[in-house]
N, C-alpha and C. Protein backbone atom coordinates (compact mmCIF):
# COMPACT_ATOMS: atom_id res chain seq x y z
N MET A 1 21.72 26.68 -39.81
CA MET A 1 20.56 26.01 -40.35
C MET A 1 19.59 25.69 -39.20
N LYS A 2 18.33 25.98 -39.43
CA LYS A 2 17.31 25.77 -38.42
C LYS A 2 16.95 24.29 -38.32
N LYS A 3 16.86 23.79 -37.08
CA LYS A 3 16.48 22.41 -36.87
C LYS A 3 15.02 22.21 -37.20
N GLN A 4 14.72 21.06 -37.78
CA GLN A 4 13.34 20.72 -38.08
C GLN A 4 12.66 20.24 -36.79
N LYS A 5 11.44 20.70 -36.57
CA LYS A 5 10.70 20.29 -35.39
C LYS A 5 10.29 18.83 -35.54
N PRO A 6 10.21 18.13 -34.41
CA PRO A 6 9.79 16.72 -34.46
C PRO A 6 8.36 16.59 -35.00
N ASP A 7 8.12 15.50 -35.73
CA ASP A 7 6.78 15.23 -36.23
C ASP A 7 6.00 14.43 -35.18
N ASP A 8 4.77 14.08 -35.52
CA ASP A 8 3.93 13.34 -34.57
C ASP A 8 4.59 12.05 -34.11
N TYR A 9 5.17 11.33 -35.03
CA TYR A 9 5.80 10.05 -34.68
C TYR A 9 6.91 10.26 -33.65
N ALA A 10 7.76 11.24 -33.90
CA ALA A 10 8.86 11.52 -32.96
C ALA A 10 8.31 11.96 -31.61
N ARG A 11 7.26 12.77 -31.61
CA ARG A 11 6.67 13.23 -30.34
C ARG A 11 6.07 12.06 -29.57
N LEU A 12 5.45 11.13 -30.27
CA LEU A 12 4.92 9.94 -29.60
C LEU A 12 6.05 9.12 -28.98
N LEU A 13 7.16 9.03 -29.67
CA LEU A 13 8.32 8.33 -29.10
C LEU A 13 8.85 9.07 -27.88
N HIS A 14 8.80 10.40 -27.90
CA HIS A 14 9.21 11.18 -26.72
C HIS A 14 8.30 10.86 -25.53
N ILE A 15 7.01 10.76 -25.80
CA ILE A 15 6.06 10.42 -24.73
C ILE A 15 6.37 9.03 -24.18
N LYS A 16 6.55 8.07 -25.06
CA LYS A 16 6.87 6.71 -24.64
C LYS A 16 8.16 6.67 -23.83
N ASP A 17 9.19 7.35 -24.31
CA ASP A 17 10.47 7.38 -23.60
C ASP A 17 10.33 8.02 -22.22
N ALA A 18 9.54 9.09 -22.13
CA ALA A 18 9.35 9.77 -20.85
C ALA A 18 8.62 8.86 -19.86
N ILE A 19 7.64 8.12 -20.35
CA ILE A 19 6.93 7.18 -19.48
C ILE A 19 7.88 6.10 -18.99
N GLU A 20 8.71 5.59 -19.88
CA GLU A 20 9.69 4.57 -19.48
C GLU A 20 10.68 5.15 -18.46
N GLY A 21 11.03 6.42 -18.60
CA GLY A 21 11.89 7.07 -17.61
C GLY A 21 11.20 7.11 -16.26
N ILE A 22 9.95 7.50 -16.24
CA ILE A 22 9.18 7.53 -14.98
C ILE A 22 9.17 6.14 -14.35
N GLN A 23 8.90 5.13 -15.16
CA GLN A 23 8.83 3.77 -14.63
C GLN A 23 10.16 3.34 -14.01
N ARG A 24 11.27 3.72 -14.65
CA ARG A 24 12.59 3.40 -14.08
C ARG A 24 12.82 4.15 -12.77
N PHE A 25 12.46 5.44 -12.76
CA PHE A 25 12.71 6.26 -11.58
C PHE A 25 11.95 5.76 -10.35
N ILE A 26 10.71 5.35 -10.54
CA ILE A 26 9.87 5.02 -9.38
C ILE A 26 9.84 3.53 -9.05
N GLU A 27 10.57 2.73 -9.82
CA GLU A 27 10.59 1.29 -9.54
C GLU A 27 11.04 1.04 -8.10
N GLY A 28 10.26 0.28 -7.37
CA GLY A 28 10.58 -0.05 -5.99
C GLY A 28 10.15 1.00 -4.98
N TYR A 29 9.54 2.06 -5.45
CA TYR A 29 9.08 3.14 -4.57
C TYR A 29 7.63 2.95 -4.18
N ASN A 30 7.28 3.58 -3.07
CA ASN A 30 5.88 3.77 -2.70
C ASN A 30 5.69 5.26 -2.50
N LEU A 31 4.49 5.66 -2.16
CA LEU A 31 4.23 7.10 -2.02
C LEU A 31 5.19 7.76 -1.03
N ASP A 32 5.42 7.13 0.11
CA ASP A 32 6.28 7.73 1.13
C ASP A 32 7.72 7.88 0.66
N THR A 33 8.26 6.85 0.01
CA THR A 33 9.65 6.96 -0.45
C THR A 33 9.76 7.95 -1.61
N PHE A 34 8.72 8.01 -2.43
CA PHE A 34 8.69 8.97 -3.53
C PHE A 34 8.72 10.40 -2.99
N ILE A 35 7.87 10.68 -2.03
CA ILE A 35 7.79 12.02 -1.44
C ILE A 35 9.11 12.40 -0.77
N ALA A 36 9.75 11.43 -0.15
CA ALA A 36 10.98 11.69 0.59
C ALA A 36 12.20 11.88 -0.33
N ASP A 37 12.13 11.38 -1.54
CA ASP A 37 13.27 11.43 -2.46
C ASP A 37 13.09 12.57 -3.46
N GLU A 38 13.67 13.71 -3.14
CA GLU A 38 13.49 14.91 -3.96
C GLU A 38 13.98 14.72 -5.39
N LYS A 39 15.10 14.02 -5.57
CA LYS A 39 15.64 13.82 -6.92
C LYS A 39 14.67 13.01 -7.78
N THR A 40 14.15 11.95 -7.21
CA THR A 40 13.20 11.12 -7.97
C THR A 40 11.92 11.88 -8.26
N PHE A 41 11.44 12.63 -7.28
CA PHE A 41 10.25 13.45 -7.49
C PHE A 41 10.48 14.44 -8.63
N LEU A 42 11.59 15.17 -8.58
CA LEU A 42 11.86 16.18 -9.61
C LEU A 42 12.08 15.55 -10.98
N ALA A 43 12.75 14.41 -11.03
CA ALA A 43 12.96 13.73 -12.31
C ALA A 43 11.63 13.26 -12.89
N THR A 44 10.76 12.76 -12.03
CA THR A 44 9.44 12.31 -12.47
C THR A 44 8.62 13.48 -12.99
N VAL A 45 8.65 14.59 -12.28
CA VAL A 45 7.92 15.78 -12.72
C VAL A 45 8.44 16.24 -14.08
N LYS A 46 9.74 16.22 -14.28
CA LYS A 46 10.30 16.62 -15.57
C LYS A 46 9.78 15.73 -16.69
N GLU A 47 9.72 14.44 -16.45
CA GLU A 47 9.21 13.52 -17.48
C GLU A 47 7.72 13.77 -17.75
N ILE A 48 6.95 14.08 -16.72
CA ILE A 48 5.54 14.41 -16.92
C ILE A 48 5.43 15.68 -17.75
N GLU A 49 6.30 16.65 -17.50
CA GLU A 49 6.31 17.87 -18.31
C GLU A 49 6.61 17.54 -19.78
N ILE A 50 7.56 16.66 -20.01
CA ILE A 50 7.92 16.28 -21.38
C ILE A 50 6.72 15.62 -22.07
N ILE A 51 6.02 14.76 -21.36
CA ILE A 51 4.82 14.12 -21.91
C ILE A 51 3.81 15.19 -22.33
N GLY A 52 3.58 16.16 -21.46
CA GLY A 52 2.62 17.21 -21.75
C GLY A 52 3.06 18.10 -22.90
N GLU A 53 4.33 18.42 -22.95
CA GLU A 53 4.84 19.27 -24.03
C GLU A 53 4.75 18.55 -25.37
N ALA A 54 5.12 17.29 -25.38
CA ALA A 54 5.02 16.51 -26.62
C ALA A 54 3.57 16.40 -27.07
N ALA A 55 2.67 16.15 -26.12
CA ALA A 55 1.24 16.05 -26.45
C ALA A 55 0.72 17.37 -27.01
N TYR A 56 1.15 18.46 -26.42
CA TYR A 56 0.73 19.79 -26.86
C TYR A 56 1.06 20.02 -28.34
N HIS A 57 2.18 19.50 -28.78
CA HIS A 57 2.65 19.74 -30.14
C HIS A 57 2.21 18.67 -31.15
N LEU A 58 1.46 17.68 -30.70
CA LEU A 58 0.91 16.72 -31.65
C LEU A 58 -0.10 17.43 -32.55
N SER A 59 -0.25 16.95 -33.75
CA SER A 59 -1.19 17.57 -34.68
C SER A 59 -2.62 17.37 -34.21
N ASP A 60 -3.45 18.32 -34.56
CA ASP A 60 -4.88 18.20 -34.25
C ASP A 60 -5.48 16.98 -34.92
N THR A 61 -4.98 16.66 -36.10
CA THR A 61 -5.47 15.49 -36.83
C THR A 61 -5.26 14.22 -36.01
N LEU A 62 -4.06 14.05 -35.48
CA LEU A 62 -3.76 12.86 -34.68
C LEU A 62 -4.61 12.85 -33.41
N LYS A 63 -4.72 13.99 -32.76
CA LYS A 63 -5.50 14.06 -31.52
C LYS A 63 -6.97 13.73 -31.77
N LYS A 64 -7.50 14.17 -32.89
CA LYS A 64 -8.89 13.86 -33.22
C LYS A 64 -9.05 12.38 -33.56
N GLN A 65 -8.07 11.83 -34.25
CA GLN A 65 -8.12 10.42 -34.63
C GLN A 65 -8.07 9.52 -33.39
N TYR A 66 -7.36 9.95 -32.38
CA TYR A 66 -7.22 9.18 -31.13
C TYR A 66 -7.81 9.99 -29.97
N SER A 67 -9.05 10.36 -30.15
CA SER A 67 -9.71 11.25 -29.19
C SER A 67 -10.06 10.58 -27.87
N ASP A 68 -9.88 9.26 -27.78
CA ASP A 68 -10.12 8.56 -26.51
C ASP A 68 -9.02 8.86 -25.49
N ILE A 69 -7.93 9.43 -25.93
CA ILE A 69 -6.84 9.81 -25.03
C ILE A 69 -7.11 11.24 -24.56
N PRO A 70 -7.01 11.50 -23.26
CA PRO A 70 -7.32 12.84 -22.74
C PRO A 70 -6.19 13.85 -22.98
N TRP A 71 -5.99 14.20 -24.24
CA TRP A 71 -4.88 15.08 -24.61
C TRP A 71 -4.93 16.41 -23.85
N GLN A 72 -6.11 16.98 -23.71
CA GLN A 72 -6.23 18.27 -23.03
C GLN A 72 -5.79 18.16 -21.57
N GLN A 73 -6.15 17.08 -20.91
CA GLN A 73 -5.74 16.90 -19.51
C GLN A 73 -4.22 16.73 -19.41
N ILE A 74 -3.65 16.02 -20.36
CA ILE A 74 -2.20 15.83 -20.37
C ILE A 74 -1.49 17.17 -20.54
N GLU A 75 -1.99 17.97 -21.47
CA GLU A 75 -1.41 19.29 -21.70
C GLU A 75 -1.60 20.19 -20.48
N SER A 76 -2.77 20.13 -19.87
CA SER A 76 -3.06 20.95 -18.69
C SER A 76 -2.15 20.60 -17.53
N MET A 77 -1.85 19.32 -17.37
CA MET A 77 -0.94 18.91 -16.30
C MET A 77 0.43 19.53 -16.52
N ARG A 78 0.90 19.53 -17.74
CA ARG A 78 2.20 20.14 -18.05
C ARG A 78 2.18 21.62 -17.71
N HIS A 79 1.13 22.32 -18.10
CA HIS A 79 1.04 23.76 -17.81
C HIS A 79 1.03 24.01 -16.31
N LYS A 80 0.31 23.18 -15.58
CA LYS A 80 0.25 23.31 -14.12
C LYS A 80 1.65 23.13 -13.51
N LEU A 81 2.36 22.11 -13.96
CA LEU A 81 3.69 21.83 -13.40
C LEU A 81 4.68 22.94 -13.71
N VAL A 82 4.60 23.47 -14.92
CA VAL A 82 5.55 24.51 -15.32
C VAL A 82 5.22 25.85 -14.70
N HIS A 83 3.96 26.23 -14.73
CA HIS A 83 3.58 27.58 -14.29
C HIS A 83 3.28 27.67 -12.80
N ASP A 84 2.86 26.58 -12.20
CA ASP A 84 2.59 26.57 -10.76
C ASP A 84 3.60 25.66 -10.05
N TYR A 85 4.84 25.73 -10.50
CA TYR A 85 5.92 24.89 -9.99
C TYR A 85 6.05 24.94 -8.47
N TYR A 86 5.65 26.03 -7.88
CA TYR A 86 5.78 26.26 -6.44
C TYR A 86 4.68 25.55 -5.65
N ASP A 87 3.72 24.97 -6.35
CA ASP A 87 2.55 24.39 -5.67
C ASP A 87 2.24 23.00 -6.21
N ILE A 88 3.27 22.20 -6.47
CA ILE A 88 3.06 20.86 -7.00
C ILE A 88 2.73 19.92 -5.85
N ASP A 89 1.61 19.24 -5.98
CA ASP A 89 1.18 18.25 -4.99
C ASP A 89 1.91 16.94 -5.31
N LYS A 90 2.78 16.52 -4.43
CA LYS A 90 3.57 15.31 -4.67
C LYS A 90 2.69 14.07 -4.79
N LYS A 91 1.59 14.06 -4.08
CA LYS A 91 0.67 12.92 -4.17
C LYS A 91 0.04 12.85 -5.56
N VAL A 92 -0.29 13.99 -6.13
CA VAL A 92 -0.85 14.02 -7.49
C VAL A 92 0.19 13.53 -8.49
N ALA A 93 1.43 13.99 -8.35
CA ALA A 93 2.50 13.53 -9.24
C ALA A 93 2.66 12.02 -9.14
N TRP A 94 2.58 11.49 -7.93
CA TRP A 94 2.67 10.04 -7.72
C TRP A 94 1.52 9.32 -8.42
N LEU A 95 0.32 9.85 -8.26
CA LEU A 95 -0.85 9.22 -8.89
C LEU A 95 -0.75 9.25 -10.41
N VAL A 96 -0.27 10.36 -10.95
CA VAL A 96 -0.08 10.43 -12.40
C VAL A 96 0.95 9.38 -12.83
N ALA A 97 2.05 9.31 -12.10
CA ALA A 97 3.13 8.39 -12.46
C ALA A 97 2.70 6.93 -12.35
N THR A 98 1.92 6.61 -11.34
CA THR A 98 1.58 5.21 -11.10
C THR A 98 0.26 4.76 -11.70
N ASN A 99 -0.71 5.66 -11.80
CA ASN A 99 -2.04 5.26 -12.25
C ASN A 99 -2.35 5.66 -13.69
N PHE A 100 -1.77 6.75 -14.15
CA PHE A 100 -2.12 7.26 -15.48
C PHE A 100 -1.12 6.84 -16.55
N THR A 101 0.16 6.96 -16.28
CA THR A 101 1.15 6.73 -17.34
C THR A 101 1.21 5.29 -17.85
N PRO A 102 0.97 4.27 -17.02
CA PRO A 102 1.01 2.92 -17.60
C PRO A 102 -0.02 2.71 -18.72
N GLN A 103 -1.23 3.21 -18.52
CA GLN A 103 -2.26 3.09 -19.56
C GLN A 103 -1.91 3.96 -20.77
N LEU A 104 -1.38 5.15 -20.51
CA LEU A 104 -0.99 6.02 -21.61
C LEU A 104 0.10 5.36 -22.46
N LYS A 105 1.01 4.66 -21.81
CA LYS A 105 2.08 3.97 -22.55
C LYS A 105 1.47 2.94 -23.51
N ILE A 106 0.47 2.21 -23.06
CA ILE A 106 -0.20 1.23 -23.91
C ILE A 106 -0.87 1.93 -25.10
N GLU A 107 -1.58 3.02 -24.81
CA GLU A 107 -2.30 3.73 -25.87
C GLU A 107 -1.34 4.37 -26.87
N VAL A 108 -0.27 4.97 -26.39
CA VAL A 108 0.71 5.57 -27.29
C VAL A 108 1.41 4.48 -28.11
N GLY A 109 1.67 3.35 -27.48
CA GLY A 109 2.26 2.22 -28.21
C GLY A 109 1.36 1.77 -29.35
N ARG A 110 0.06 1.78 -29.10
CA ARG A 110 -0.92 1.41 -30.13
C ARG A 110 -0.87 2.40 -31.30
N ILE A 111 -0.76 3.68 -30.99
CA ILE A 111 -0.69 4.69 -32.06
C ILE A 111 0.59 4.51 -32.87
N ILE A 112 1.70 4.31 -32.17
CA ILE A 112 2.98 4.10 -32.86
C ILE A 112 2.88 2.90 -33.78
N GLU A 113 2.28 1.83 -33.29
CA GLU A 113 2.10 0.64 -34.10
C GLU A 113 1.22 0.92 -35.32
N ASP A 114 0.14 1.66 -35.11
CA ASP A 114 -0.72 2.06 -36.25
C ASP A 114 0.08 2.84 -37.28
N LEU A 115 0.89 3.77 -36.83
CA LEU A 115 1.69 4.58 -37.76
C LEU A 115 2.73 3.74 -38.48
N ASP A 116 3.30 2.77 -37.77
CA ASP A 116 4.29 1.88 -38.38
C ASP A 116 3.66 1.03 -39.49
N ASN A 117 2.38 0.69 -39.30
CA ASN A 117 1.70 -0.20 -40.26
C ASN A 117 1.07 0.55 -41.43
N ASN A 118 1.14 1.88 -41.41
CA ASN A 118 0.55 2.66 -42.51
C ASN A 118 1.58 3.34 -43.36
């Protein structure tokens, strides 16, 4: 029997969970310790990939409804990490993890709450 693909709600939970994973991985780190710790770097990159993949599969309807979120940039980051894996800038990964994902977590939480209330 074929597995059913996750719906928008499940994908949003995947994004939230991936952000929480990033936050756990980098807790207590700074840029230098992040760059020096290959396992943490690679785990963080994997979570960023998951965020991008989940975003890619969200419905166009949801993306249009919440167009203030830069869905295309999120998807592009995932494509860059997967296809240009040999050229990942660790500083960019750090900036995404520390500067972008906290706000995304708030915004995704808002969408989840909206869906819960409807």
